[in-house]
Amino acid sequence: MTTPTRIVALVGSLRSDSLNRRIAEALRDQAPEGVVVEIAEGLGSLPFYNEDLDGEAVPTAAATLRELVGNADAVLAVTPEYNGTMPAVLNNAIDWLSRPYGVGALVGKPFGVVGATPTPYGGKWAHADAARSAGIAGAIVVDGAVHSQSALEVDVLEDVEVLQRLQPSSRRSWPSSRLLPEGRSGRRSTHGR
């Protein structure tokens, strides 16, 4: 019996009916055999990263997130785009996961970004910023993000093209297959090193 590949999803939206959360849930529910996707809960309860708080008594929410990601094989950010960048909740999670510097929970982890946004740019800036930030934190950023542009009144999960990209016909065609050991073609960032 092989150990499943564990992927932690970081959802960049706190909204109760978040489209990106629903995308993360769809990816979790449709994960291929041998892959377990766990959605990190409680990102909204993380205090803003502050080095004064990151000592011997790390806040419980931060310690829990670090342990979850530390035990995972890969990380997937599922995020909208706010004002041309990633939401603060995702940036804050990456900040907590980047510490202690050089040995944080993201170091050496494959990291991918997917998501949907109503902006005309399809979330490309949020994706680029999340990937850059995770790469600086030591993650191995994988190429091939899946993102969608959508009008506010349209449910992206009802879009046939998006659904086809989210519904795996095999482990290799799953949107996050590049996070799996046999599909990795990532790059480690050298920014800030």
N, C-alpha and C. Protein backbone atom coordinates (compact mmCIF):
# COMPACT_ATOMS: atom_id res chain seq x y z
N MET A 1 0.84 -1.18 0.00
CA MET A 1 0.00 0.00 0.00
C MET A 1 0.89 1.25 0.00
N THR A 2 0.66 2.13 -0.94
CA THR A 2 1.47 3.34 -1.02
C THR A 2 0.83 4.46 -0.21
N THR A 3 1.66 5.32 0.29
CA THR A 3 1.19 6.48 1.04
C THR A 3 0.64 7.50 0.06
N PRO A 4 -0.55 8.05 0.33
CA PRO A 4 -1.10 9.04 -0.60
C PRO A 4 -0.28 10.33 -0.60
N THR A 5 -0.31 11.03 -1.72
CA THR A 5 0.28 12.35 -1.82
C THR A 5 -0.67 13.33 -1.13
N ARG A 6 -0.14 14.08 -0.17
CA ARG A 6 -0.96 15.02 0.60
C ARG A 6 -0.72 16.44 0.10
N ILE A 7 -1.79 17.10 -0.33
CA ILE A 7 -1.73 18.48 -0.80
C ILE A 7 -2.58 19.34 0.12
N VAL A 8 -2.01 20.43 0.61
CA VAL A 8 -2.76 21.38 1.43
C VAL A 8 -3.18 22.54 0.53
N ALA A 9 -4.48 22.85 0.56
CA ALA A 9 -5.01 23.99 -0.20
C ALA A 9 -5.16 25.19 0.72
N LEU A 10 -4.57 26.31 0.30
CA LEU A 10 -4.71 27.58 1.01
C LEU A 10 -5.69 28.43 0.21
N VAL A 11 -6.87 28.67 0.77
CA VAL A 11 -7.89 29.44 0.06
C VAL A 11 -7.73 30.91 0.40
N GLY A 12 -7.58 31.73 -0.64
CA GLY A 12 -7.30 33.15 -0.46
C GLY A 12 -8.52 34.02 -0.29
N SER A 13 -9.67 33.44 0.01
CA SER A 13 -10.88 34.22 0.22
C SER A 13 -11.55 33.76 1.51
N LEU A 14 -12.02 34.70 2.29
CA LEU A 14 -12.71 34.39 3.55
C LEU A 14 -14.23 34.42 3.40
N ARG A 15 -14.71 34.82 2.24
CA ARG A 15 -16.15 34.96 2.03
C ARG A 15 -16.86 33.62 2.21
N SER A 16 -18.03 33.63 2.85
CA SER A 16 -18.73 32.38 3.16
C SER A 16 -19.10 31.59 1.90
N ASP A 17 -19.45 32.27 0.82
CA ASP A 17 -19.80 31.57 -0.41
C ASP A 17 -18.71 31.79 -1.46
N SER A 18 -17.48 31.71 -1.03
CA SER A 18 -16.34 31.97 -1.91
C SER A 18 -16.28 30.99 -3.07
N LEU A 19 -16.19 31.52 -4.26
CA LEU A 19 -16.03 30.69 -5.45
C LEU A 19 -14.72 29.91 -5.37
N ASN A 20 -13.67 30.55 -4.90
CA ASN A 20 -12.38 29.87 -4.82
C ASN A 20 -12.39 28.75 -3.79
N ARG A 21 -13.13 28.93 -2.71
CA ARG A 21 -13.28 27.83 -1.75
C ARG A 21 -14.02 26.67 -2.42
N ARG A 22 -15.03 26.99 -3.20
CA ARG A 22 -15.77 25.93 -3.90
C ARG A 22 -14.86 25.23 -4.90
N ILE A 23 -13.96 25.96 -5.54
CA ILE A 23 -12.99 25.32 -6.44
C ILE A 23 -12.09 24.39 -5.64
N ALA A 24 -11.61 24.85 -4.48
CA ALA A 24 -10.76 23.99 -3.63
C ALA A 24 -11.52 22.74 -3.21
N GLU A 25 -12.79 22.90 -2.87
CA GLU A 25 -13.60 21.74 -2.48
C GLU A 25 -13.79 20.79 -3.66
N ALA A 26 -13.98 21.34 -4.86
CA ALA A 26 -14.11 20.48 -6.05
C ALA A 26 -12.81 19.72 -6.30
N LEU A 27 -11.68 20.39 -6.16
CA LEU A 27 -10.40 19.71 -6.33
C LEU A 27 -10.21 18.63 -5.27
N ARG A 28 -10.60 18.92 -4.05
CA ARG A 28 -10.53 17.93 -2.97
C ARG A 28 -11.41 16.72 -3.30
N ASP A 29 -12.65 17.01 -3.69
CA ASP A 29 -13.61 15.93 -3.95
C ASP A 29 -13.28 15.13 -5.19
N GLN A 30 -12.58 15.73 -6.15
CA GLN A 30 -12.26 15.05 -7.41
C GLN A 30 -10.81 14.63 -7.49
N ALA A 31 -10.11 14.68 -6.38
CA ALA A 31 -8.70 14.29 -6.40
C ALA A 31 -8.57 12.85 -6.87
N PRO A 32 -7.59 12.58 -7.70
CA PRO A 32 -7.41 11.21 -8.19
C PRO A 32 -6.98 10.26 -7.07
N GLU A 33 -7.12 9.00 -7.36
CA GLU A 33 -6.72 7.98 -6.39
C GLU A 33 -5.26 8.20 -6.00
N GLY A 34 -4.99 8.09 -4.72
CA GLY A 34 -3.63 8.27 -4.24
C GLY A 34 -3.28 9.70 -3.89
N VAL A 35 -4.26 10.61 -3.99
CA VAL A 35 -4.04 12.02 -3.67
C VAL A 35 -5.10 12.46 -2.67
N VAL A 36 -4.66 13.11 -1.61
CA VAL A 36 -5.57 13.66 -0.61
C VAL A 36 -5.34 15.17 -0.57
N VAL A 37 -6.42 15.93 -0.78
CA VAL A 37 -6.35 17.38 -0.69
C VAL A 37 -7.05 17.80 0.60
N GLU A 38 -6.34 18.53 1.43
CA GLU A 38 -6.90 19.04 2.68
C GLU A 38 -6.90 20.56 2.62
N ILE A 39 -8.05 21.15 2.88
CA ILE A 39 -8.17 22.60 2.87
C ILE A 39 -7.76 23.12 4.24
N ALA A 40 -6.79 24.03 4.26
CA ALA A 40 -6.35 24.64 5.52
C ALA A 40 -7.46 25.54 6.04
N GLU A 41 -7.92 25.26 7.22
CA GLU A 41 -8.98 26.06 7.84
C GLU A 41 -8.35 27.10 8.77
N GLY A 42 -9.08 28.14 9.05
CA GLY A 42 -8.65 29.11 10.05
C GLY A 42 -7.68 30.17 9.58
N LEU A 43 -7.51 30.35 8.27
CA LEU A 43 -6.57 31.38 7.82
C LEU A 43 -7.00 32.77 8.28
N GLY A 44 -8.29 32.98 8.43
CA GLY A 44 -8.78 34.27 8.90
C GLY A 44 -8.46 34.55 10.36
N SER A 45 -8.14 33.52 11.11
CA SER A 45 -7.82 33.72 12.53
C SER A 45 -6.32 33.88 12.77
N LEU A 46 -5.52 33.76 11.71
CA LEU A 46 -4.08 34.01 11.86
C LEU A 46 -3.85 35.48 12.17
N PRO A 47 -3.09 35.80 13.21
CA PRO A 47 -2.76 37.22 13.39
C PRO A 47 -1.83 37.66 12.26
N PHE A 48 -1.82 38.96 11.98
CA PHE A 48 -0.86 39.44 10.99
C PHE A 48 0.53 39.05 11.44
N TYR A 49 1.36 38.62 10.48
CA TYR A 49 2.70 38.18 10.86
C TYR A 49 3.43 39.31 11.56
N ASN A 50 4.03 38.97 12.70
CA ASN A 50 4.77 39.92 13.51
C ASN A 50 5.87 39.11 14.19
N GLU A 51 7.09 39.47 13.94
CA GLU A 51 8.22 38.73 14.50
C GLU A 51 8.17 38.67 16.03
N ASP A 52 7.55 39.67 16.65
CA ASP A 52 7.42 39.66 18.10
C ASP A 52 6.55 38.49 18.58
N LEU A 53 5.61 38.06 17.74
CA LEU A 53 4.73 36.93 18.09
C LEU A 53 5.35 35.59 17.74
N ASP A 54 6.39 35.61 16.93
CA ASP A 54 6.97 34.38 16.39
C ASP A 54 8.20 33.97 17.21
N GLY A 55 7.94 33.65 18.46
CA GLY A 55 9.02 33.22 19.35
C GLY A 55 8.73 31.84 19.89
N GLU A 56 8.98 31.67 21.17
CA GLU A 56 8.74 30.36 21.79
C GLU A 56 7.26 30.01 21.82
N ALA A 57 6.41 31.01 21.98
CA ALA A 57 4.97 30.77 22.05
C ALA A 57 4.29 31.29 20.79
N VAL A 58 4.43 30.56 19.71
CA VAL A 58 3.82 30.92 18.43
C VAL A 58 2.30 30.83 18.57
N PRO A 59 1.53 31.76 18.00
CA PRO A 59 0.07 31.66 18.07
C PRO A 59 -0.41 30.29 17.58
N THR A 60 -1.41 29.76 18.24
CA THR A 60 -1.92 28.42 17.94
C THR A 60 -2.28 28.26 16.47
N ALA A 61 -2.96 29.25 15.89
CA ALA A 61 -3.37 29.16 14.48
C ALA A 61 -2.15 29.04 13.57
N ALA A 62 -1.09 29.76 13.88
CA ALA A 62 0.13 29.71 13.06
C ALA A 62 0.84 28.37 13.23
N ALA A 63 0.92 27.88 14.46
CA ALA A 63 1.56 26.58 14.71
C ALA A 63 0.80 25.46 14.01
N THR A 64 -0.52 25.52 14.04
CA THR A 64 -1.35 24.51 13.39
C THR A 64 -1.13 24.52 11.88
N LEU A 65 -1.11 25.71 11.28
CA LEU A 65 -0.88 25.83 9.84
C LEU A 65 0.50 25.32 9.47
N ARG A 66 1.51 25.70 10.23
CA ARG A 66 2.88 25.24 9.94
C ARG A 66 2.97 23.72 10.01
N GLU A 67 2.32 23.12 10.99
CA GLU A 67 2.36 21.66 11.11
C GLU A 67 1.65 21.00 9.94
N LEU A 68 0.47 21.52 9.57
CA LEU A 68 -0.29 20.97 8.45
C LEU A 68 0.53 21.01 7.17
N VAL A 69 1.10 22.16 6.85
CA VAL A 69 1.89 22.30 5.62
C VAL A 69 3.20 21.53 5.73
N GLY A 70 3.81 21.53 6.90
CA GLY A 70 5.05 20.79 7.09
C GLY A 70 4.90 19.30 6.83
N ASN A 71 3.71 18.76 7.12
CA ASN A 71 3.44 17.33 6.91
C ASN A 71 2.90 17.02 5.52
N ALA A 72 2.67 18.04 4.71
CA ALA A 72 2.13 17.85 3.36
C ALA A 72 3.25 17.62 2.36
N ASP A 73 2.88 17.07 1.21
CA ASP A 73 3.83 16.87 0.12
C ASP A 73 3.88 18.07 -0.81
N ALA A 74 2.80 18.88 -0.83
CA ALA A 74 2.71 20.01 -1.74
C ALA A 74 1.67 20.99 -1.22
N VAL A 75 1.69 22.20 -1.76
CA VAL A 75 0.75 23.25 -1.36
C VAL A 75 0.13 23.84 -2.62
N LEU A 76 -1.18 24.09 -2.54
CA LEU A 76 -1.90 24.68 -3.66
C LEU A 76 -2.65 25.90 -3.14
N ALA A 77 -2.32 27.08 -3.66
CA ALA A 77 -3.07 28.29 -3.33
C ALA A 77 -4.24 28.39 -4.30
N VAL A 78 -5.43 28.59 -3.77
CA VAL A 78 -6.64 28.74 -4.59
C VAL A 78 -7.16 30.13 -4.26
N THR A 79 -6.97 31.06 -5.19
CA THR A 79 -7.14 32.45 -4.79
C THR A 79 -7.79 33.35 -5.83
N PRO A 80 -8.57 34.32 -5.36
CA PRO A 80 -9.02 35.38 -6.25
C PRO A 80 -7.91 36.43 -6.35
N GLU A 81 -8.21 37.50 -7.03
CA GLU A 81 -7.28 38.63 -7.12
C GLU A 81 -7.99 39.85 -6.55
N TYR A 82 -7.36 40.51 -5.60
CA TYR A 82 -7.90 41.73 -5.00
C TYR A 82 -6.98 42.89 -5.35
N ASN A 83 -7.52 43.88 -6.02
CA ASN A 83 -6.75 45.10 -6.35
C ASN A 83 -5.42 44.79 -7.01
N GLY A 84 -5.43 43.82 -7.91
CA GLY A 84 -4.24 43.52 -8.69
C GLY A 84 -3.20 42.68 -7.98
N THR A 85 -3.54 42.06 -6.87
CA THR A 85 -2.59 41.21 -6.17
C THR A 85 -3.33 40.12 -5.39
N MET A 86 -2.57 39.30 -4.68
CA MET A 86 -3.20 38.26 -3.88
C MET A 86 -3.85 38.89 -2.64
N PRO A 87 -4.90 38.27 -2.13
CA PRO A 87 -5.54 38.77 -0.92
C PRO A 87 -4.59 38.73 0.29
N ALA A 88 -4.83 39.63 1.23
CA ALA A 88 -3.99 39.71 2.42
C ALA A 88 -3.97 38.41 3.20
N VAL A 89 -5.09 37.69 3.25
CA VAL A 89 -5.13 36.45 4.02
C VAL A 89 -4.15 35.42 3.46
N LEU A 90 -4.00 35.35 2.15
CA LEU A 90 -3.05 34.42 1.55
C LEU A 90 -1.62 34.90 1.78
N ASN A 91 -1.39 36.19 1.59
CA ASN A 91 -0.05 36.74 1.83
C ASN A 91 0.39 36.49 3.27
N ASN A 92 -0.52 36.69 4.21
CA ASN A 92 -0.22 36.48 5.62
C ASN A 92 0.10 35.01 5.91
N ALA A 93 -0.66 34.10 5.31
CA ALA A 93 -0.39 32.67 5.50
C ALA A 93 1.01 32.32 4.98
N ILE A 94 1.36 32.84 3.81
CA ILE A 94 2.69 32.59 3.25
C ILE A 94 3.76 33.19 4.17
N ASP A 95 3.49 34.37 4.72
CA ASP A 95 4.46 34.97 5.66
C ASP A 95 4.71 34.05 6.85
N TRP A 96 3.65 33.53 7.46
CA TRP A 96 3.82 32.62 8.60
C TRP A 96 4.54 31.34 8.18
N LEU A 97 4.23 30.84 7.00
CA LEU A 97 4.85 29.59 6.53
C LEU A 97 6.30 29.78 6.10
N SER A 98 6.70 31.02 5.89
CA SER A 98 8.07 31.29 5.43
C SER A 98 9.08 31.30 6.57
N ARG A 99 8.61 31.29 7.79
CA ARG A 99 9.48 31.38 8.96
C ARG A 99 9.50 30.08 9.73
N PRO A 100 10.56 29.78 10.44
CA PRO A 100 11.82 30.49 10.50
C PRO A 100 12.50 30.48 9.14
N TYR A 101 13.12 31.61 8.82
CA TYR A 101 13.72 31.80 7.51
C TYR A 101 14.69 30.66 7.17
N GLY A 102 14.53 30.13 5.99
CA GLY A 102 15.41 29.06 5.50
C GLY A 102 14.96 27.67 5.87
N VAL A 103 14.10 27.54 6.87
CA VAL A 103 13.62 26.22 7.28
C VAL A 103 12.11 26.22 7.51
N GLY A 104 11.41 27.22 6.98
CA GLY A 104 9.96 27.30 7.13
C GLY A 104 9.26 26.14 6.46
N ALA A 105 7.98 26.01 6.73
CA ALA A 105 7.19 24.88 6.23
C ALA A 105 7.11 24.80 4.71
N LEU A 106 7.34 25.91 4.01
CA LEU A 106 7.27 25.90 2.54
C LEU A 106 8.57 25.45 1.87
N VAL A 107 9.66 25.43 2.60
CA VAL A 107 10.95 25.12 1.99
C VAL A 107 10.92 23.73 1.36
N GLY A 108 11.22 23.70 0.05
CA GLY A 108 11.28 22.44 -0.68
C GLY A 108 9.94 21.87 -1.09
N LYS A 109 8.84 22.54 -0.76
CA LYS A 109 7.50 22.04 -1.11
C LYS A 109 7.10 22.53 -2.50
N PRO A 110 6.61 21.64 -3.35
CA PRO A 110 6.00 22.10 -4.60
C PRO A 110 4.82 23.01 -4.27
N PHE A 111 4.70 24.11 -4.99
CA PHE A 111 3.68 25.12 -4.72
C PHE A 111 3.05 25.54 -6.03
N GLY A 112 1.73 25.41 -6.12
CA GLY A 112 1.00 25.81 -7.32
C GLY A 112 -0.09 26.80 -6.96
N VAL A 113 -0.61 27.48 -7.98
CA VAL A 113 -1.66 28.47 -7.78
C VAL A 113 -2.75 28.24 -8.82
N VAL A 114 -4.00 28.21 -8.37
CA VAL A 114 -5.16 28.17 -9.25
C VAL A 114 -6.17 29.16 -8.70
N GLY A 115 -7.19 29.47 -9.47
CA GLY A 115 -8.23 30.32 -8.93
C GLY A 115 -9.08 30.97 -9.99
N ALA A 116 -10.06 31.73 -9.50
CA ALA A 116 -10.98 32.45 -10.37
C ALA A 116 -11.19 33.84 -9.79
N THR A 117 -11.44 34.78 -10.68
CA THR A 117 -11.65 36.16 -10.26
C THR A 117 -12.50 36.88 -11.30
N PRO A 118 -13.26 37.88 -10.88
CA PRO A 118 -14.07 38.62 -11.85
C PRO A 118 -13.30 39.69 -12.61
N THR A 119 -12.02 39.83 -12.37
CA THR A 119 -11.25 40.86 -13.06
C THR A 119 -11.01 40.47 -14.52
N PRO A 120 -10.77 41.44 -15.38
CA PRO A 120 -10.53 41.13 -16.78
C PRO A 120 -9.18 40.44 -17.03
N TYR A 121 -8.36 40.31 -16.01
CA TYR A 121 -7.03 39.73 -16.19
C TYR A 121 -6.95 38.28 -15.72
N GLY A 122 -8.05 37.73 -15.22
CA GLY A 122 -8.08 36.33 -14.85
C GLY A 122 -7.22 35.97 -13.66
N GLY A 123 -6.86 36.93 -12.85
CA GLY A 123 -6.10 36.64 -11.64
C GLY A 123 -4.61 36.45 -11.85
N LYS A 124 -4.10 36.81 -13.03
CA LYS A 124 -2.69 36.52 -13.32
C LYS A 124 -1.74 37.25 -12.38
N TRP A 125 -2.12 38.45 -11.91
CA TRP A 125 -1.22 39.17 -11.00
C TRP A 125 -1.21 38.52 -9.62
N ALA A 126 -2.36 38.10 -9.14
CA ALA A 126 -2.41 37.40 -7.85
C ALA A 126 -1.62 36.11 -7.93
N HIS A 127 -1.75 35.41 -9.03
CA HIS A 127 -1.01 34.16 -9.22
C HIS A 127 0.49 34.42 -9.21
N ALA A 128 0.90 35.44 -9.95
CA ALA A 128 2.33 35.75 -10.03
C ALA A 128 2.87 36.17 -8.66
N ASP A 129 2.11 36.99 -7.94
CA ASP A 129 2.57 37.45 -6.62
C ASP A 129 2.64 36.30 -5.62
N ALA A 130 1.64 35.43 -5.62
CA ALA A 130 1.65 34.28 -4.70
C ALA A 130 2.82 33.35 -5.02
N ALA A 131 3.04 33.10 -6.29
CA ALA A 131 4.14 32.22 -6.69
C ALA A 131 5.49 32.85 -6.32
N ARG A 132 5.64 34.14 -6.56
CA ARG A 132 6.90 34.81 -6.22
C ARG A 132 7.15 34.77 -4.71
N SER A 133 6.13 35.08 -3.93
CA SER A 133 6.27 35.10 -2.48
C SER A 133 6.61 33.71 -1.94
N ALA A 134 5.91 32.69 -2.43
CA ALA A 134 6.20 31.32 -1.99
C ALA A 134 7.59 30.89 -2.43
N GLY A 135 7.99 31.28 -3.63
CA GLY A 135 9.33 30.95 -4.11
C GLY A 135 10.42 31.57 -3.26
N ILE A 136 10.22 32.82 -2.87
CA ILE A 136 11.18 33.48 -1.99
C ILE A 136 11.24 32.76 -0.65
N ALA A 137 10.11 32.22 -0.22
CA ALA A 137 10.05 31.48 1.05
C ALA A 137 10.67 30.10 0.95
N GLY A 138 11.09 29.70 -0.26
CA GLY A 138 11.78 28.43 -0.43
C GLY A 138 10.97 27.33 -1.09
N ALA A 139 9.73 27.64 -1.48
CA ALA A 139 8.91 26.63 -2.16
C ALA A 139 9.43 26.41 -3.58
N ILE A 140 9.08 25.27 -4.14
CA ILE A 140 9.40 24.96 -5.53
C ILE A 140 8.14 25.28 -6.33
N VAL A 141 8.14 26.40 -7.01
CA VAL A 141 6.96 26.86 -7.73
C VAL A 141 6.80 26.05 -9.01
N VAL A 142 5.60 25.48 -9.18
CA VAL A 142 5.32 24.70 -10.37
C VAL A 142 4.59 25.58 -11.38
N ASP A 143 4.85 25.34 -12.64
CA ASP A 143 4.23 26.10 -13.71
C ASP A 143 2.88 25.49 -14.06
N GLY A 144 2.09 26.24 -14.80
CA GLY A 144 0.84 25.70 -15.33
C GLY A 144 -0.37 25.99 -14.48
N ALA A 145 -0.51 27.21 -13.98
CA ALA A 145 -1.67 27.57 -13.17
C ALA A 145 -2.94 27.50 -14.00
N VAL A 146 -4.02 27.12 -13.36
CA VAL A 146 -5.34 27.14 -13.98
C VAL A 146 -6.09 28.30 -13.35
N HIS A 147 -6.53 29.24 -14.16
CA HIS A 147 -7.29 30.35 -13.61
C HIS A 147 -8.39 30.71 -14.58
N SER A 148 -9.36 31.46 -14.07
CA SER A 148 -10.50 31.80 -14.90
C SER A 148 -10.93 33.23 -14.63
N GLN A 149 -11.31 33.89 -15.69
CA GLN A 149 -11.92 35.21 -15.59
C GLN A 149 -13.42 34.97 -15.64
N SER A 150 -14.16 35.71 -14.86
CA SER A 150 -15.60 35.51 -14.84
C SER A 150 -16.30 36.82 -14.53
N ALA A 151 -17.45 37.01 -15.12
CA ALA A 151 -18.28 38.14 -14.74
C ALA A 151 -18.88 37.82 -13.36
N LEU A 152 -19.16 38.84 -12.59
CA LEU A 152 -19.66 38.62 -11.23
C LEU A 152 -20.94 37.79 -11.19
N GLU A 153 -21.78 37.92 -12.20
CA GLU A 153 -23.06 37.22 -12.16
C GLU A 153 -22.97 35.79 -12.71
N VAL A 154 -21.81 35.36 -13.12
CA VAL A 154 -21.64 34.02 -13.68
C VAL A 154 -20.90 33.14 -12.68
N ASP A 155 -21.39 31.93 -12.49
CA ASP A 155 -20.72 30.97 -11.61
C ASP A 155 -19.69 30.22 -12.44
N VAL A 156 -18.42 30.41 -12.11
CA VAL A 156 -17.34 29.78 -12.87
C VAL A 156 -17.48 28.27 -12.86
N LEU A 157 -18.02 27.71 -11.77
CA LEU A 157 -18.18 26.26 -11.71
C LEU A 157 -19.31 25.76 -12.60
N GLU A 158 -20.03 26.67 -13.25
CA GLU A 158 -21.00 26.28 -14.27
C GLU A 158 -20.45 26.49 -15.68
N ASP A 159 -19.26 27.03 -15.79
CA ASP A 159 -18.59 27.26 -17.06
C ASP A 159 -18.03 25.93 -17.56
N VAL A 160 -18.47 25.49 -18.72
CA VAL A 160 -18.09 24.18 -19.25
C VAL A 160 -16.57 24.05 -19.38
N GLU A 161 -15.92 25.09 -19.89
CA GLU A 161 -14.46 25.03 -20.07
C GLU A 161 -13.75 24.86 -18.73
N VAL A 162 -14.17 25.62 -17.73
CA VAL A 162 -13.55 25.51 -16.41
C VAL A 162 -13.82 24.14 -15.82
N LEU A 163 -15.06 23.67 -15.93
CA LEU A 163 -15.39 22.34 -15.40
C LEU A 163 -14.54 21.26 -16.04
N GLN A 164 -14.32 21.36 -17.34
CA GLN A 164 -13.49 20.36 -18.01
C GLN A 164 -12.07 20.39 -17.47
N ARG A 165 -11.55 21.57 -17.14
CA ARG A 165 -10.20 21.65 -16.58
C ARG A 165 -10.16 21.13 -15.15
N LEU A 166 -11.27 21.22 -14.42
CA LEU A 166 -11.29 20.77 -13.03
C LEU A 166 -11.62 19.29 -12.88
N GLN A 167 -12.25 18.69 -13.89
CA GLN A 167 -12.64 17.29 -13.77
C GLN A 167 -11.56 16.40 -14.36
N PRO A 168 -10.92 15.63 -13.49
CA PRO A 168 -9.82 14.79 -13.96
C PRO A 168 -10.33 13.55 -14.68
N SER A 169 -9.74 13.26 -15.81
CA SER A 169 -10.01 11.97 -16.45
C SER A 169 -8.93 10.99 -16.02
N SER A 170 -7.86 11.51 -15.49
CA SER A 170 -6.79 10.66 -14.96
C SER A 170 -5.99 11.48 -13.97
N ARG A 171 -5.13 10.80 -13.25
CA ARG A 171 -4.26 11.47 -12.29
C ARG A 171 -3.39 12.52 -12.99
N ARG A 172 -2.94 12.23 -14.21
CA ARG A 172 -2.05 13.14 -14.92
C ARG A 172 -2.77 14.38 -15.45
N SER A 173 -4.08 14.27 -15.72
CA SER A 173 -4.79 15.42 -16.27
C SER A 173 -5.43 16.29 -15.19
N TRP A 174 -5.36 15.87 -13.95
CA TRP A 174 -5.92 16.66 -12.85
C TRP A 174 -5.24 18.02 -12.82
N PRO A 175 -5.98 19.12 -12.57
CA PRO A 175 -5.39 20.46 -12.64
C PRO A 175 -4.15 20.65 -11.78
N SER A 176 -4.04 19.92 -10.71
CA SER A 176 -2.89 20.08 -9.83
C SER A 176 -1.90 18.93 -9.98
N SER A 177 -1.95 18.23 -11.11
CA SER A 177 -1.08 17.07 -11.30
C SER A 177 0.39 17.45 -11.27
N ARG A 178 0.72 18.70 -11.56
CA ARG A 178 2.13 19.11 -11.52
C ARG A 178 2.66 19.15 -10.09
N LEU A 179 1.76 19.11 -9.12
CA LEU A 179 2.19 19.05 -7.73
C LEU A 179 2.54 17.62 -7.32
N LEU A 180 2.11 16.65 -8.13
CA LEU A 180 2.37 15.25 -7.82
C LEU A 180 3.80 14.89 -8.20
N PRO A 181 4.39 13.92 -7.52
CA PRO A 181 5.81 13.61 -7.75
C PRO A 181 6.18 13.39 -9.21
N GLU A 182 5.33 12.70 -9.98
CA GLU A 182 5.70 12.41 -11.37
C GLU A 182 5.45 13.57 -12.32
N GLY A 183 4.79 14.65 -11.85
CA GLY A 183 4.45 15.75 -12.74
C GLY A 183 5.19 17.04 -12.47
N ARG A 184 6.15 17.01 -11.57
CA ARG A 184 6.81 18.26 -11.17
C ARG A 184 7.77 18.78 -12.23
N SER A 185 7.55 20.03 -12.58
CA SER A 185 8.50 20.72 -13.45
C SER A 185 8.62 22.14 -12.93
N GLY A 186 9.03 22.24 -11.70
CA GLY A 186 9.05 23.53 -11.04
C GLY A 186 10.41 24.18 -11.06
N ARG A 187 10.44 25.34 -10.45
CA ARG A 187 11.68 26.08 -10.34
C ARG A 187 11.76 26.61 -8.92
N ARG A 188 12.91 26.57 -8.38
CA ARG A 188 13.12 27.14 -7.05
C ARG A 188 13.55 28.58 -7.24
N SER A 189 12.91 29.46 -6.52
CA SER A 189 13.24 30.87 -6.63
C SER A 189 14.57 31.15 -5.95
N THR A 190 15.30 32.08 -6.53
CA THR A 190 16.54 32.53 -5.91
C THR A 190 16.39 33.97 -5.42
N HIS A 191 15.17 34.53 -5.54
CA HIS A 191 14.92 35.90 -5.07
C HIS A 191 15.16 35.96 -3.58
N GLY A 192 15.84 36.98 -3.14
CA GLY A 192 16.01 37.22 -1.72
C GLY A 192 16.97 36.28 -1.04
N ARG A 193 17.68 35.46 -1.77
CA ARG A 193 18.61 34.50 -1.14
C ARG A 193 20.02 35.02 -1.24
